[in-house]
Protein backbone atom coordinates (compact mmCIF):
# COMPACT_ATOMS: atom_id res chain seq x y z
CA MET A 1 47.50 27.51 14.20
CA MET A 2 47.16 30.62 16.35
CA THR A 3 49.28 30.27 19.50
CA HIS A 4 49.19 32.32 22.70
CA SER A 5 52.47 34.08 21.88
CA LYS A 6 51.32 35.02 18.38
CA MET A 7 48.04 36.34 19.75
CA MET A 8 49.76 38.48 22.39
CA LYS A 9 52.27 39.81 19.86
CA TYR A 10 49.46 40.76 17.47
CA ILE A 11 47.50 42.59 20.17
CA LYS A 12 50.50 44.44 21.60
CA GLU A 13 52.30 45.37 18.37
CA GLU A 14 49.91 45.30 15.42
CA LEU A 15 46.67 46.81 16.63
CA GLN A 16 46.32 50.59 16.76
CA LEU A 17 44.52 50.66 20.10
CA SER A 18 44.84 52.37 23.46
CA GLN A 19 46.63 50.56 26.27
CA GLU A 20 43.32 50.10 28.03
CA GLN A 21 41.81 48.44 24.94
CA LYS A 22 44.84 46.17 24.51
CA GLN A 23 44.66 45.11 28.15
CA SER A 24 40.95 44.30 27.78
CA LEU A 25 41.72 42.24 24.65
CA ILE A 26 44.46 40.32 26.46
CA GLN A 27 42.02 39.50 29.26
CA LEU A 28 39.34 38.43 26.76
CA ALA A 29 41.83 36.19 24.95
CA GLY A 30 42.98 34.69 28.26
CA LYS A 31 39.40 33.67 29.11
CA ASN A 32 38.91 32.09 25.68
CA SER A 33 42.21 30.41 24.80
CA ASP A 34 40.42 27.85 22.62
CA LYS A 35 39.03 30.67 20.45
CA TYR A 36 42.25 32.35 19.33
CA SER A 37 41.61 31.74 15.62
CA SER A 38 38.05 33.04 15.84
CA LEU A 39 39.15 36.06 17.86
CA MET A 40 41.81 36.88 15.28
CA SER A 41 39.27 36.66 12.45
CA TRP A 42 36.75 38.82 14.29
CA ILE A 43 39.36 41.43 15.27
CA TRP A 44 40.55 41.58 11.67
CA ALA A 45 37.00 41.91 10.34
CA LEU A 46 35.93 44.55 12.87
CA THR A 47 39.03 46.72 12.46
CA SER A 48 38.68 46.49 8.66
CA PHE A 49 34.97 47.22 8.85
CA LYS A 50 35.43 50.41 10.85
CA ALA A 51 38.24 51.70 8.61
CA GLU A 52 37.22 54.64 6.42
CA ASP A 53 38.55 52.97 3.29
CA PHE A 54 36.17 50.02 3.71
CA VAL A 55 33.85 51.39 1.00
CA GLU A 56 36.74 51.29 -1.47
CA ARG A 57 37.46 47.58 -0.96
CA SER A 58 36.56 45.02 -3.62
CA LEU A 59 33.19 43.27 -3.55
CA PHE A 60 34.92 39.97 -2.73
CA GLU A 61 36.67 41.50 0.29
CA LYS A 62 33.46 43.08 1.56
CA LYS A 63 31.61 39.79 1.29
CA GLU A 64 34.39 38.06 3.23
CA PHE A 65 34.32 40.71 5.96
CA VAL A 66 30.56 40.40 6.44
CA ARG A 67 30.56 36.59 6.31
CA THR A 68 33.36 36.50 8.88
CA LEU A 69 31.27 38.72 11.15
CA MET A 70 28.25 36.46 10.66
CA ASN A 71 30.31 33.47 11.77
CA SER A 72 30.18 35.00 15.24
CA LEU A 73 26.51 34.00 15.39
CA ASN A 74 27.11 30.25 15.20
CA ASN A 75 26.39 29.62 18.88
CA PRO A 76 25.58 31.58 22.07
CA ARG A 77 29.14 31.47 23.40
CA SER A 78 30.67 32.82 20.19
CA TYR A 79 27.99 35.50 20.07
CA ASN A 80 28.73 36.61 23.65
CA ILE A 81 32.48 36.74 22.97
CA PHE A 82 31.85 38.78 19.83
CA VAL A 83 29.61 41.24 21.72
CA GLU A 84 32.35 41.74 24.31
CA LEU A 85 34.92 42.17 21.54
CA SER A 86 32.82 44.80 19.78
CA GLU A 87 32.48 46.69 23.08
CA ILE A 88 36.27 46.76 23.43
CA LEU A 89 37.00 47.83 19.84
CA LEU A 90 34.02 50.11 19.17
CA GLY A 91 32.81 51.20 22.58
CA SER A 92 29.50 49.32 22.51
CA PHE A 93 27.59 46.69 20.60
CA ALA A 94 25.07 49.41 19.62
CA ALA A 95 27.95 51.28 17.94
CA PHE A 96 28.68 48.15 15.89
CA LEU A 97 25.06 47.99 14.71
CA GLU A 98 25.14 51.68 13.78
CA LEU A 99 28.38 51.05 11.86
CA ILE A 100 26.67 48.32 9.81
CA LEU A 101 23.87 50.73 8.91
CA SER A 102 26.35 53.48 8.03
CA ARG A 103 28.46 51.19 5.84
CA SER A 104 25.36 49.83 4.08
CA ARG A 105 24.13 53.33 3.24
CA LYS A 106 27.46 54.23 1.64
CA GLU A 107 27.82 50.93 -0.20
CA ASN A 108 27.45 50.83 -4.00
CA HIS A 109 27.50 47.06 -4.54
CA GLN A 110 23.97 45.65 -4.29
CA GLN A 111 25.10 42.24 -3.05
CA ALA A 112 27.33 43.76 -0.36
CA LYS A 113 24.36 45.85 0.81
CA ALA A 114 22.18 42.72 0.83
CA LEU A 115 24.68 40.92 3.06
CA MET A 116 24.78 43.85 5.47
CA VAL A 117 20.99 43.80 5.68
CA GLU A 118 21.18 40.07 6.45
CA LEU A 119 23.64 40.86 9.23
CA LEU A 120 21.26 43.45 10.70
CA LEU A 121 18.32 41.04 10.52
CA ARG A 122 20.34 38.37 12.31
CA LEU A 123 21.32 40.78 15.08
CA CYS A 124 18.14 42.86 15.48
CA GLU A 125 14.56 41.70 15.89
CA ALA A 126 13.28 45.25 15.32
CA PRO A 127 14.45 48.13 13.11
CA LEU A 128 17.57 49.85 14.33
CA ALA A 129 16.99 53.30 15.86
CA GLY A 130 17.25 55.87 13.08
CA SER A 131 16.83 53.34 10.29
CA LEU A 132 14.22 53.63 7.52
CA PRO A 133 12.34 51.08 5.38
CA GLU A 134 14.64 51.80 2.44
CA ASP A 135 17.64 50.72 4.55
CA TYR A 136 16.29 47.14 4.46
CA LEU A 137 15.10 47.00 0.83
CA PRO A 138 18.53 45.78 -0.45
CA GLY A 139 17.84 42.54 1.43
CA LEU A 140 15.27 41.74 -1.27
CA HIS A 141 18.21 41.41 -3.70
CA HIS A 142 19.97 38.78 -1.59
CA GLU A 143 21.19 35.68 -3.43
CA ASP A 144 19.45 33.45 -0.86
CA GLU A 145 15.70 33.17 -1.38
CA LEU A 146 15.01 32.64 2.34
CA ILE A 147 16.80 35.90 3.20
CA ARG A 148 14.67 37.66 0.57
CA CYS A 149 11.53 36.27 2.22
CA LYS A 150 12.83 37.15 5.69
CA THR A 151 13.51 40.72 4.55
CA ALA A 152 9.98 41.04 3.12
CA LEU A 153 8.44 39.73 6.35
CA PHE A 154 10.62 42.06 8.42
CA LEU A 155 9.63 45.09 6.36
CA TYR A 156 5.91 44.33 6.44
CA SER A 157 5.90 43.32 10.12
CA HIS A 158 7.48 46.60 11.23
CA TYR A 159 6.36 49.11 8.59
CA GLY A 160 3.19 47.57 7.14
CA ARG A 161 1.49 49.47 4.34
CA THR A 162 4.15 52.22 4.51
CA ALA A 163 6.75 49.88 3.02
CA LEU A 164 4.49 47.86 0.70
CA ALA A 165 4.65 50.06 -2.40
CA SER A 166 8.44 50.30 -2.11
CA MET A 167 8.72 46.53 -1.73
CA VAL A 168 6.59 45.86 -4.80
CA SER A 169 8.58 48.36 -6.83
CA GLU A 170 11.87 46.81 -5.66
CA VAL A 171 10.74 43.32 -6.68
CA PHE A 172 10.74 44.39 -10.33
CA LYS A 173 14.33 45.66 -10.04
CA ILE A 174 15.81 42.32 -8.94
CA ASN A 175 18.16 40.99 -11.61
CA CYS A 176 17.48 37.29 -11.30
CA PRO A 177 14.50 34.94 -11.68
CA LEU A 178 12.31 34.88 -8.58
CA SER A 179 10.64 31.91 -6.95
CA LEU A 180 6.92 31.40 -6.49
CA LEU A 181 7.44 31.28 -2.70
CA PHE A 182 8.91 34.78 -2.64
CA CYS A 183 6.37 36.32 -5.04
CA LYS A 184 3.46 34.67 -3.22
CA THR A 185 4.76 36.25 0.00
CA ILE A 186 4.57 39.71 -1.60
CA CYS A 187 1.15 38.82 -3.10
CA HIS A 188 -0.14 38.03 0.38
CA PHE A 189 0.78 41.52 1.57
CA VAL A 190 -0.93 43.04 -1.48
CA GLN A 191 -4.08 41.06 -0.68
CA LEU A 192 -4.12 42.52 2.84
CA HIS A 193 -4.53 46.03 1.40
CA PRO A 194 -7.36 46.04 -1.17
CA GLU A 195 -7.66 49.80 -0.65
CA ILE A 196 -4.37 50.40 -2.51
CA SER A 197 -4.66 51.09 -6.24
CA TRP A 198 -1.76 49.72 -8.27
CA ALA A 199 -2.79 51.44 -11.51
CA GLU A 200 0.17 53.85 -11.53
CA ASP A 201 2.68 51.10 -10.70
CA LEU A 202 1.34 48.85 -13.47
CA GLU A 203 1.46 51.74 -15.92
CA LYS A 204 5.10 52.47 -15.01
CA LEU A 205 5.91 48.81 -15.54
CA LYS A 206 4.35 48.89 -19.00
CA ARG A 207 6.20 52.10 -19.89
CA SER A 208 9.60 50.75 -18.82
CA ASP A 209 12.10 50.07 -21.59
CA GLY A 210 11.22 46.40 -21.21
CA ALA A 211 14.66 44.87 -21.68
CA ALA A 212 14.67 43.19 -18.28
CA THR A 213 10.93 42.67 -18.23
CA GLN A 214 10.90 40.71 -21.47
CA THR A 215 13.42 38.19 -20.15
CA TRP A 216 11.22 37.03 -17.29
CA ALA A 217 7.73 37.88 -18.52
CA ILE A 218 6.77 34.32 -19.51
CA THR A 219 8.35 32.11 -16.85
CA ASP A 220 9.27 34.31 -13.90
CA ALA A 221 7.04 34.14 -10.82
CA ARG A 222 6.66 37.93 -10.93
CA GLN A 223 3.81 37.20 -13.34
CA VAL A 224 1.85 36.04 -10.30
CA LEU A 225 2.45 39.39 -8.60
CA ILE A 226 1.40 41.30 -11.70
CA LYS A 227 -1.84 39.33 -11.86
CA GLU A 228 -2.48 40.00 -8.18
CA MET A 229 -1.96 43.73 -8.72
CA GLU A 230 -4.25 43.67 -11.75
CA GLY A 231 -6.83 41.69 -9.80
CA SER A 232 -6.64 44.13 -6.90
CA LEU A 233 -7.18 46.97 -9.34
CA SER A 234 -10.16 45.17 -10.90
CA ARG A 235 -11.74 44.65 -7.48
CA ASP A 236 -11.06 48.27 -6.57
CA GLN A 237 -12.72 49.51 -9.77
CA PHE A 238 -15.66 47.17 -9.18
CA LEU A 239 -16.24 48.43 -5.65
CA MET A 240 -16.09 52.02 -6.89
CA LEU A 241 -18.94 51.50 -9.37
CA ASN A 242 -21.93 53.78 -8.91
CA PRO A 243 -24.91 52.00 -7.36
CA PRO A 244 -27.50 50.81 -9.92
CA ALA A 245 -30.53 53.00 -10.50
CA GLU A 246 -32.80 50.75 -8.49
CA GLU A 247 -30.64 51.41 -5.41
CA SER A 248 -30.98 55.19 -5.66
CA GLN A 249 -32.30 56.81 -2.51
CA ASP A 250 -34.02 59.48 -4.61
CA GLN A 251 -36.30 57.01 -6.38
CA VAL A 252 -39.95 57.49 -5.32
CA PHE A 253 -42.26 54.53 -4.70
CA PRO A 254 -45.90 54.48 -3.68
CA GLU A 255 -45.97 54.45 0.10
CA SER A 256 -47.63 51.02 0.37
CA LEU A 257 -45.12 49.40 -2.00
CA ALA A 258 -41.94 51.23 -1.06
CA PRO A 259 -40.61 48.91 1.70
CA SER A 260 -41.08 45.63 -0.20
CA VAL A 261 -39.99 46.97 -3.59
CA THR A 262 -36.91 48.63 -2.11
CA LEU A 263 -35.96 45.46 -0.25
CA THR A 264 -36.35 43.31 -3.36
CA SER A 265 -34.42 45.78 -5.52
CA LYS A 266 -31.53 45.93 -3.06
CA LYS A 267 -31.44 42.16 -2.80
CA ASP A 268 -31.32 41.79 -6.60
CA SER A 269 -28.63 44.47 -6.87
CA ILE A 270 -26.44 42.80 -4.25
CA GLY A 271 -26.86 39.49 -6.05
CA VAL A 272 -25.73 41.03 -9.34
CA ARG A 273 -22.70 42.66 -7.70
CA LEU A 274 -21.75 39.47 -5.92
CA GLU A 275 -21.95 37.55 -9.19
CA ARG A 276 -19.69 40.07 -10.92
CA PHE A 277 -17.23 40.05 -8.04
CA GLU A 278 -17.03 36.26 -8.05
CA LYS A 279 -16.38 36.28 -11.80
CA ILE A 280 -13.48 38.69 -11.35
CA THR A 281 -11.99 36.61 -8.52
CA SER A 282 -12.48 33.26 -10.25
CA SER A 283 -10.92 34.51 -13.47
CA MET A 284 -7.86 35.60 -11.53
CA MET A 285 -7.52 32.28 -9.74
CA GLY A 286 -8.12 30.29 -12.89
CA GLY A 287 -5.64 32.40 -14.85
């Protein structure tokens, strides 16, 4: 149980802060005497997080730091206290957000990076100033499927087509089976951009050493994404076909027959193309 005396002693003697910062912390604690335990946890997490040796900590410690920080988001009051605390310890809440991005970029553990992305997504509705699509890609490796989906939606909502190829590529690097919900989410984004050819990506996938691919090829939901990419490629190749001879503008008809013959020929050609297109689409859906 954290008492008032213990809290004051910790602030005055343990923390390496300026007198002004310590006085601000004492005032913050005085206004929130029922939150001493939470304040202690947040102070510990923030001071550890900003330390230069944070990147050298164990994966377990890093996960605990980030989860402790996320506990500040439980309710509006806790969030407001945490914002004020970050302003005292780091100068501003914006500096805290920049620190998360900096720590994530230096991090080597994929799951620690994924948790930091989750923290950013919880705190920011839009990309942080200076951040790039690749800063959020680790969120696709999160252990929680809903965070993976949230990351994908965040990336597409703010970066659109620019991030799509990177997202698709990252999906095939995830080292665990993926759900149909997540893969269907990525498929939806692929469907929104029929102009993108996935031929090179599919070829790279086939040329990969295959060790990981073979483990999920039969049952993993990534099969759905592969089929969508193949289907998109099939549609793209179909639409790039040269027009049939009867559609050629250079073909000469007798003047009296030209309008009706041309109209009939175009109608027949469109019908043939539509039939082919429907076969491609139906085969994909049926498969």
